[in-house]
Amino acid sequence: MNFVLGAHGRLGSAIVASTELGKTIALDRSIYSHWACEGAADDVARYFEKSASPEAAGYVFVAAGITDPNRSRRSTIASITFWREM
């Protein structure tokens, strides 16, 4: 199963459209908006433990905020660094 964070943006929409139907979950922003906060790693782990199948390979695509021209460059880099470390 694949998961897409930021699925309503341009990049996220393209990822969802290019993946096989029924094998991708577009997460609602309310699910992951606090995951970048300090101490949220357990929440992230719990979500994927409940939602991901251990037998099936999958990916987590993070497109949230990456192509948003209104976000500062520093904020975008912080988001990318956070998700790479997860």
Protein backbone atom coordinates (compact mmCIF):
# COMPACT_ATOMS: atom_id res chain seq x y z
CA MET A 1 0.00 0.00 0.00
CA ASN A 2 1.21 3.50 -0.83
CA PHE A 3 0.45 6.62 1.18
CA VAL A 4 0.50 10.21 -0.06
CA LEU A 5 0.81 13.21 2.23
CA GLY A 6 -0.11 16.41 0.45
CA ALA A 7 -2.35 14.63 -2.05
CA HIS A 8 -4.42 17.71 -2.82
CA GLY A 9 -1.49 19.74 -4.14
CA ARG A 10 -0.11 19.60 -7.67
CA LEU A 11 2.62 17.06 -6.98
CA GLY A 12 0.50 14.90 -4.66
CA SER A 13 -2.39 14.82 -7.14
CA ALA A 14 -0.02 13.69 -9.87
CA ILE A 15 1.36 10.92 -7.66
CA VAL A 16 -2.12 9.67 -6.79
CA ALA A 17 -3.17 9.78 -10.45
CA SER A 18 -0.11 7.81 -11.54
CA THR A 19 -0.47 4.97 -9.03
CA GLU A 20 -2.61 1.89 -9.36
CA LEU A 21 -6.21 2.42 -8.26
CA GLY A 22 -6.92 0.98 -4.83
CA LYS A 23 -3.26 0.73 -3.86
CA THR A 24 -2.78 4.32 -2.73
CA ILE A 25 -4.23 6.15 0.25
CA ALA A 26 -4.31 9.94 0.09
CA LEU A 27 -4.08 11.00 3.72
CA ASP A 28 -6.21 13.90 4.85
CA ARG A 29 -4.18 16.81 6.17
CA SER A 30 -5.87 16.50 9.58
CA ILE A 31 -4.18 13.10 10.03
CA TYR A 32 -0.59 14.24 9.49
CA SER A 33 -0.52 17.99 10.15
CA HIS A 34 0.96 17.54 13.64
CA TRP A 35 3.51 14.88 12.63
CA ALA A 36 6.26 17.48 12.19
CA CYS A 37 5.89 18.57 15.82
CA GLU A 38 8.35 17.50 18.45
CA GLY A 39 7.40 14.19 20.05
CA ALA A 40 5.04 13.07 17.27
CA ALA A 41 7.16 10.12 16.09
CA ASP A 42 5.06 7.68 18.12
CA ASP A 43 1.88 8.98 16.46
CA VAL A 44 3.45 8.44 13.03
CA ALA A 45 4.54 4.92 13.93
CA ARG A 46 1.10 4.03 15.35
CA TYR A 47 -0.66 5.27 12.23
CA PHE A 48 1.42 3.14 9.90
CA GLU A 49 1.35 0.12 12.20
CA LYS A 50 -2.46 0.19 12.00
CA SER A 51 -2.77 1.16 8.33
CA ALA A 52 0.07 -0.54 6.48
CA SER A 53 0.20 -4.22 5.67
CA PRO A 54 3.46 -5.81 6.80
CA GLU A 55 3.20 -8.33 3.94
CA ALA A 56 2.89 -5.77 1.16
CA ALA A 57 5.63 -3.41 0.06
CA GLY A 58 4.69 0.23 -0.23
CA TYR A 59 5.89 3.79 -0.16
CA VAL A 60 5.12 6.99 1.71
CA PHE A 61 5.18 9.93 -0.68
CA VAL A 62 5.56 13.29 1.03
CA ALA A 63 4.41 16.10 -1.21
CA ALA A 64 3.02 18.29 1.56
CA GLY A 65 4.32 21.83 1.34
CA ILE A 66 7.11 21.03 -1.08
CA THR A 67 5.67 22.97 -4.03
CA ASP A 68 3.81 25.62 -2.00
CA PRO A 69 5.27 28.98 -3.09
CA ASN A 70 3.90 30.62 0.06
CA ARG A 71 6.10 28.57 2.39
CA SER A 72 9.53 29.80 3.26
CA ARG A 73 12.54 27.94 1.92
CA ARG A 74 13.69 27.18 5.47
CA SER A 75 10.32 25.65 6.36
CA THR A 76 10.35 23.45 3.25
CA ILE A 77 13.88 22.21 3.97
CA ALA A 78 12.87 21.42 7.56
CA SER A 79 9.91 19.37 6.30
CA ILE A 80 12.06 17.42 3.84
CA THR A 81 14.68 16.72 6.52
CA PHE A 82 12.03 15.54 8.98
CA TRP A 83 10.49 13.04 6.55
CA ARG A 84 13.84 11.75 5.35
CA GLU A 85 14.73 10.90 8.97
CA MET A 86 11.46 9.03 9.46
